Amino acid sequence: MWIADNWKDYEVLDTSSGEKLERWGNYILVRPDPQVIWNTSKKLSGWRKPNGHYHRSAKGGGEWEFFHLPEEWRIQYEGKNELGLTFHLKPFSFKHTGLFPEQAANWDWFSSIIMAALEKNPKRTIKVLNLFAYTGGATLSAAAAGASVTHVDAAKGMVAWAKENAAASGLGDAPIRWLVDDCVKFVEREIRRGSQYDAIIMDPPSYGRGPKGEIWKIEESVFPFLELTADILSDNPLFFLINSYTTGLQPAVLRYMMQTVLEPKFGGQVEASEIGLPVSSNGLVLPCGASGRWIGK
């Protein structure tokens, strides 16, 4: 398992009864987590006095309950590569805060690859494409490492949020192209334009709809999309990263797909594993999905 264990401003304090107790900077949140199927004693005071608690409804969805929580606050991430990232957080729809902290395990991985490539050839321009890019954690990590990044997300509000994070991280003038677009349609146009990228990151949703009502189901759509995006990789690409929060897509599934598509064309090596967050109260690890990583030869 790849563990995001380089955080200072974020911490999973405890887990029990379908929920996780988290510290986000100076604030304590309780949020539901489907992986937490155990019932253990809630000894930490944060369980009784959080700053925010998302209550899931039996009918689906849920709502926040707040106790002295600001509308917005910030946390920082340095990681092993001293990335110097700052993220705006705010509680919004369906339990989210605007950041998936477990992805820091991947940020550290690919930022190291980018830095090593630039150390080897300082004049090289490394073009990274971040698809389904959300609020820009991966975009900022790649840009801080020295890459030129194209950030694509279909939600205008998420792209605006990512721009705020970039400015707060001192990356307001970094070579980042911000695009509000359907990811599949964008890649199709890039193929027609003959565009190429040295690395691709994708964090596809389990389910979604395109601008014309096209249905995205990750189990049906992710493999043909992987084949499509492979066509815009450069002749000597650095890496390819796929994230999945869908329980049906085990790490071995991601590995199989990427080996099938990428290794015959580019060589290199594929790895896949669960990603997780350490739980400080007991030294265990909370699983948070899976990632597949391809690294060029």
Protein backbone atom coordinates (compact mmCIF):
# COMPACT_ATOMS: atom_id res chain seq x y z
CA MET A 1 0.00 0.00 0.00
CA TRP A 2 1.14 3.54 -0.79
CA ILE A 3 0.62 5.67 2.30
CA ALA A 4 0.30 9.46 2.43
CA ASP A 5 2.37 9.86 5.58
CA ASN A 6 4.11 13.19 4.94
CA TRP A 7 1.31 15.48 6.12
CA LYS A 8 1.72 17.94 8.98
CA ASP A 9 -1.55 19.87 8.57
CA TYR A 10 -3.79 16.84 8.07
CA GLU A 11 -4.30 13.75 10.22
CA VAL A 12 -6.75 10.87 10.57
CA LEU A 13 -7.08 10.76 14.34
CA ASP A 14 -9.41 7.77 14.65
CA THR A 15 -12.04 5.70 12.84
CA SER A 16 -15.17 3.94 14.10
CA SER A 17 -18.80 3.14 13.26
CA GLY A 18 -18.71 4.22 9.65
CA GLU A 19 -16.92 7.52 10.34
CA LYS A 20 -13.45 9.01 10.50
CA LEU A 21 -12.22 11.69 12.90
CA GLU A 22 -9.87 14.07 11.11
CA ARG A 23 -7.74 17.09 11.88
CA TRP A 24 -7.60 19.63 9.07
CA GLY A 25 -5.15 22.23 10.30
CA ASN A 26 -6.66 23.58 13.51
CA TYR A 27 -10.11 22.10 12.96
CA ILE A 28 -11.60 18.70 13.74
CA LEU A 29 -14.14 17.11 11.40
CA VAL A 30 -16.17 13.92 11.57
CA ARG A 31 -17.09 12.53 8.16
CA PRO A 32 -18.58 9.23 6.96
CA ASP A 33 -16.34 6.63 5.34
CA PRO A 34 -17.75 3.43 3.78
CA GLN A 35 -14.53 1.54 4.48
CA VAL A 36 -14.95 1.92 8.25
CA ILE A 37 -17.06 -1.15 9.00
CA TRP A 38 -15.72 -1.67 12.55
CA ASN A 39 -17.14 -0.40 15.81
CA THR A 40 -14.41 0.58 18.26
CA SER A 41 -14.52 2.75 21.37
CA LYS A 42 -14.44 6.50 20.68
CA LYS A 43 -12.07 7.62 23.41
CA LEU A 44 -10.73 10.78 21.75
CA SER A 45 -12.44 14.02 22.77
CA GLY A 46 -12.71 15.09 19.16
CA TRP A 47 -15.54 12.64 18.64
CA ARG A 48 -17.62 14.58 21.20
CA LYS A 49 -16.51 18.09 20.29
CA PRO A 50 -15.73 18.38 16.57
CA ASN A 51 -15.84 21.63 14.60
CA GLY A 52 -17.93 19.99 11.91
CA HIS A 53 -19.88 16.75 11.52
CA TYR A 54 -21.35 15.44 8.29
CA HIS A 55 -24.41 13.33 9.03
CA ARG A 56 -25.34 10.88 6.32
CA SER A 57 -29.06 10.42 5.66
CA ALA A 58 -30.65 6.99 5.38
CA LYS A 59 -32.42 8.35 2.28
CA GLY A 60 -29.11 9.26 0.63
CA GLY A 61 -26.93 12.36 0.87
CA GLY A 62 -26.78 14.13 4.18
CA GLU A 63 -25.97 17.47 5.76
CA TRP A 64 -23.29 19.28 7.74
CA GLU A 65 -23.58 20.33 11.36
CA PHE A 66 -21.08 23.03 12.35
CA PHE A 67 -19.54 24.03 15.67
CA HIS A 68 -17.22 27.06 15.42
CA LEU A 69 -15.95 26.21 11.94
CA PRO A 70 -15.06 29.05 9.54
CA GLU A 71 -16.58 29.14 6.09
CA GLU A 72 -13.10 28.68 4.62
CA TRP A 73 -9.59 27.98 5.89
CA ARG A 74 -6.21 26.83 4.59
CA ILE A 75 -3.75 24.01 5.09
CA GLN A 76 -0.26 23.47 3.68
CA TYR A 77 1.57 20.50 2.21
CA GLU A 78 5.32 20.26 1.80
CA GLY A 79 5.84 16.52 1.34
CA LYS A 80 9.20 14.92 0.86
CA ASN A 81 10.00 17.25 -2.05
CA GLU A 82 9.18 20.51 -0.22
CA LEU A 83 6.42 21.38 -2.68
CA GLY A 84 5.11 24.33 -0.65
CA LEU A 85 1.44 23.89 -1.55
CA THR A 86 -1.47 25.74 0.06
CA PHE A 87 -5.08 24.58 -0.23
CA HIS A 88 -8.30 26.45 0.46
CA LEU A 89 -10.78 24.24 2.27
CA LYS A 90 -14.50 24.60 2.80
CA PRO A 91 -17.17 22.04 3.60
CA PHE A 92 -19.53 21.53 0.69
CA SER A 93 -21.81 18.99 -0.93
CA PHE A 94 -21.68 15.35 0.10
CA LYS A 95 -19.13 15.49 2.91
CA HIS A 96 -16.24 16.92 0.86
CA THR A 97 -13.79 19.68 1.81
CA GLY A 98 -12.13 20.28 -1.54
CA LEU A 99 -9.14 18.00 -1.07
CA PHE A 100 -8.34 14.28 -1.05
CA PRO A 101 -5.30 14.13 1.27
CA GLU A 102 -4.48 10.50 0.47
CA GLN A 103 -3.43 11.65 -3.01
CA ALA A 104 -0.31 13.16 -1.47
CA ALA A 105 1.24 9.70 -1.82
CA ASN A 106 0.98 10.15 -5.59
CA TRP A 107 2.05 13.80 -5.51
CA ASP A 108 5.34 12.79 -3.88
CA TRP A 109 5.83 10.01 -6.42
CA PHE A 110 5.39 11.94 -9.63
CA SER A 111 6.98 15.17 -8.40
CA SER A 112 10.14 13.14 -7.76
CA ILE A 113 10.02 11.84 -11.34
CA ILE A 114 9.61 15.35 -12.75
CA MET A 115 12.42 16.76 -10.63
CA ALA A 116 14.77 13.94 -11.59
CA ALA A 117 14.05 14.45 -15.30
CA LEU A 118 14.71 18.19 -15.03
CA GLU A 119 17.89 17.61 -13.08
CA LYS A 120 19.07 15.37 -15.89
CA ASN A 121 18.05 17.89 -18.56
CA PRO A 122 17.31 21.38 -17.13
CA LYS A 123 16.31 22.76 -20.53
CA ARG A 124 13.58 20.16 -21.06
CA THR A 125 9.94 21.25 -21.01
CA ILE A 126 7.83 18.58 -19.33
CA LYS A 127 4.18 18.75 -20.36
CA VAL A 128 1.71 17.16 -17.94
CA LEU A 129 -2.00 16.66 -18.59
CA ASN A 130 -4.25 16.43 -15.52
CA LEU A 131 -7.73 15.11 -16.36
CA PHE A 132 -10.74 15.27 -14.01
CA ALA A 133 -8.42 17.64 -12.16
CA TYR A 134 -10.81 18.81 -9.40
CA THR A 135 -9.28 21.52 -7.16
CA GLY A 136 -5.77 21.01 -8.46
CA GLY A 137 -3.77 19.02 -5.93
CA ALA A 138 -1.97 17.08 -8.66
CA THR A 139 -1.74 20.13 -10.93
CA LEU A 140 0.01 22.19 -8.27
CA SER A 141 2.32 19.32 -7.31
CA ALA A 142 3.44 18.90 -10.91
CA ALA A 143 3.84 22.64 -11.44
CA ALA A 144 5.81 23.07 -8.20
CA ALA A 145 8.13 20.31 -9.39
CA GLY A 146 8.81 22.28 -12.58
CA ALA A 147 6.34 20.93 -15.15
CA SER A 148 4.07 22.78 -17.56
CA VAL A 149 0.54 21.60 -16.77
CA THR A 150 -2.78 21.47 -18.59
CA HIS A 151 -5.59 21.26 -16.02
CA VAL A 152 -8.95 20.00 -17.32
CA ASP A 153 -12.21 19.66 -15.39
CA ALA A 154 -15.81 19.94 -16.53
CA ALA A 155 -16.89 21.93 -13.45
CA LYS A 156 -16.24 25.67 -13.73
CA GLY A 157 -16.35 26.09 -9.95
CA MET A 158 -13.66 23.45 -9.41
CA VAL A 159 -11.33 25.10 -11.90
CA ALA A 160 -11.84 28.47 -10.20
CA TRP A 161 -11.07 26.83 -6.84
CA ALA A 162 -7.90 25.27 -8.28
CA LYS A 163 -6.77 28.70 -9.50
CA GLU A 164 -7.21 30.05 -5.96
CA ASN A 165 -5.08 27.21 -4.64
CA ALA A 166 -2.41 27.99 -7.23
CA ALA A 167 -2.31 31.65 -6.25
CA ALA A 168 -2.12 30.76 -2.55
CA SER A 169 0.76 28.37 -3.32
CA GLY A 170 2.79 31.03 -5.14
CA LEU A 171 2.03 29.38 -8.48
CA GLY A 172 -0.24 32.05 -9.92
CA ASP A 173 2.26 32.72 -12.72
CA ALA A 174 3.31 29.09 -13.22
CA PRO A 175 2.85 27.58 -16.71
CA ILE A 176 -0.60 26.12 -16.04
CA ARG A 177 -3.33 26.08 -18.67
CA TRP A 178 -6.77 26.07 -17.00
CA LEU A 179 -9.58 24.53 -19.04
CA VAL A 180 -13.26 23.97 -18.28
CA ASP A 181 -14.05 21.11 -20.63
CA ASP A 182 -15.31 17.55 -20.94
CA CYS A 183 -12.22 15.39 -20.57
CA VAL A 184 -13.10 12.87 -23.27
CA LYS A 185 -13.98 15.56 -25.82
CA PHE A 186 -10.80 17.45 -24.97
CA VAL A 187 -8.58 14.42 -25.53
CA GLU A 188 -10.32 13.68 -28.84
CA ARG A 189 -9.58 17.23 -30.00
CA GLU A 190 -5.96 16.99 -28.81
CA ILE A 191 -5.51 13.86 -30.92
CA ARG A 192 -6.83 15.69 -33.99
CA ARG A 193 -4.50 18.62 -33.22
CA GLY A 194 -1.50 16.33 -32.87
CA SER A 195 -0.80 17.50 -29.30
CA GLN A 196 1.46 15.42 -27.08
CA TYR A 197 2.17 15.18 -23.36
CA ASP A 198 5.04 13.70 -21.40
CA ALA A 199 2.81 12.56 -18.55
CA ILE A 200 -0.88 12.05 -17.89
CA ILE A 201 -2.77 12.03 -14.60
CA MET A 202 -6.42 11.05 -14.40
CA ASP A 203 -8.81 10.80 -11.47
CA PRO A 204 -12.05 9.74 -13.16
CA PRO A 205 -15.37 9.71 -11.32
CA SER A 206 -17.29 6.50 -10.75
CA TYR A 207 -20.27 7.99 -12.57
CA GLY A 208 -20.94 11.17 -14.50
CA ARG A 209 -22.56 12.80 -17.52
CA GLY A 210 -20.95 14.64 -20.40
CA PRO A 211 -22.08 18.00 -21.81
CA LYS A 212 -24.58 16.31 -24.13
CA GLY A 213 -25.83 13.77 -21.62
CA GLU A 214 -23.19 11.15 -22.37
CA ILE A 215 -23.06 8.66 -19.52
CA TRP A 216 -19.71 7.88 -17.91
CA LYS A 217 -19.53 4.66 -15.91
CA ILE A 218 -15.96 4.01 -14.87
CA GLU A 219 -16.18 0.23 -15.30
CA GLU A 220 -17.31 0.69 -18.92
CA SER A 221 -15.51 3.90 -19.85
CA VAL A 222 -12.07 3.93 -18.26
CA PHE A 223 -10.39 1.33 -20.48
CA PRO A 224 -11.36 2.93 -23.83
CA PHE A 225 -10.41 6.30 -22.35
CA LEU A 226 -7.01 4.93 -21.36
CA GLU A 227 -6.53 3.71 -24.93
CA LEU A 228 -7.54 7.15 -26.20
CA THR A 229 -5.20 9.11 -23.94
CA ALA A 230 -2.28 6.83 -24.79
CA ASP A 231 -2.44 8.36 -28.27
CA ILE A 232 -1.38 11.78 -26.96
CA LEU A 233 1.67 10.59 -25.02
CA SER A 234 5.00 11.80 -26.37
CA ASP A 235 7.59 9.46 -27.85
CA ASN A 236 9.48 9.25 -24.55
CA PRO A 237 6.86 9.77 -21.82
CA LEU A 238 7.67 9.94 -18.13
CA PHE A 239 4.64 8.53 -16.33
CA PHE A 240 0.93 7.78 -16.35
CA LEU A 241 -1.23 7.77 -13.22
CA ILE A 242 -4.81 6.50 -12.81
CA ASN A 243 -6.72 6.88 -9.55
CA SER A 244 -9.87 5.01 -8.64
CA TYR A 245 -12.24 5.25 -5.68
CA THR A 246 -14.54 2.60 -7.10
CA THR A 247 -14.36 -0.51 -4.92
CA GLY A 248 -14.89 -2.77 -7.93
CA LEU A 249 -11.66 -1.62 -9.57
CA GLN A 250 -9.00 -3.37 -7.55
CA PRO A 251 -5.31 -2.48 -8.01
CA ALA A 252 -4.79 -5.59 -10.13
CA VAL A 253 -7.47 -4.33 -12.55
CA LEU A 254 -5.63 -1.02 -12.97
CA ARG A 255 -2.35 -2.87 -13.44
CA TYR A 256 -3.86 -5.18 -16.07
CA MET A 257 -5.32 -2.28 -18.06
CA MET A 258 -2.14 -0.24 -18.01
CA GLN A 259 0.10 -3.16 -18.88
CA THR A 260 -2.21 -4.01 -21.77
CA VAL A 261 -2.21 -0.51 -23.23
CA LEU A 262 1.04 1.17 -22.23
CA GLU A 263 3.77 -1.45 -21.97
CA PRO A 264 3.47 -2.80 -25.56
CA LYS A 265 3.68 0.73 -26.93
CA PHE A 266 6.22 2.38 -24.61
CA GLY A 267 7.85 -0.35 -22.53
CA GLY A 268 8.42 0.84 -18.99
CA GLN A 269 6.86 -0.68 -15.91
CA VAL A 270 3.45 -0.71 -14.23
CA GLU A 271 2.73 -0.87 -10.53
CA ALA A 272 -0.61 -0.70 -8.75
CA SER A 273 -1.63 -0.65 -5.14
CA GLU A 274 -4.12 0.63 -2.63
CA ILE A 275 -3.51 4.10 -1.27
CA GLY A 276 -4.11 4.92 2.35
CA LEU A 277 -3.81 7.30 5.28
CA PRO A 278 -2.20 6.48 8.63
CA VAL A 279 -4.49 6.53 11.67
CA SER A 280 -2.61 8.20 14.50
CA SER A 281 -4.59 6.69 17.40
CA ASN A 282 -3.64 3.09 16.64
CA GLY A 283 -0.91 3.00 13.99
CA LEU A 284 -3.18 1.29 11.44
CA VAL A 285 -3.91 2.47 7.90
CA LEU A 286 -7.25 3.55 6.45
CA PRO A 287 -7.63 2.39 2.81
CA CYS A 288 -8.72 5.16 0.45
CA GLY A 289 -8.94 3.67 -3.04
CA ALA A 290 -6.37 2.45 -5.53
CA SER A 291 -3.85 3.86 -7.98
CA GLY A 292 -2.11 2.49 -11.04
CA ARG A 293 1.30 3.92 -11.95
CA TRP A 294 3.23 3.50 -15.17
CA ILE A 295 6.77 4.85 -15.35
CA GLY A 296 8.70 5.15 -18.59
CA LYS A 297 11.92 3.33 -19.30
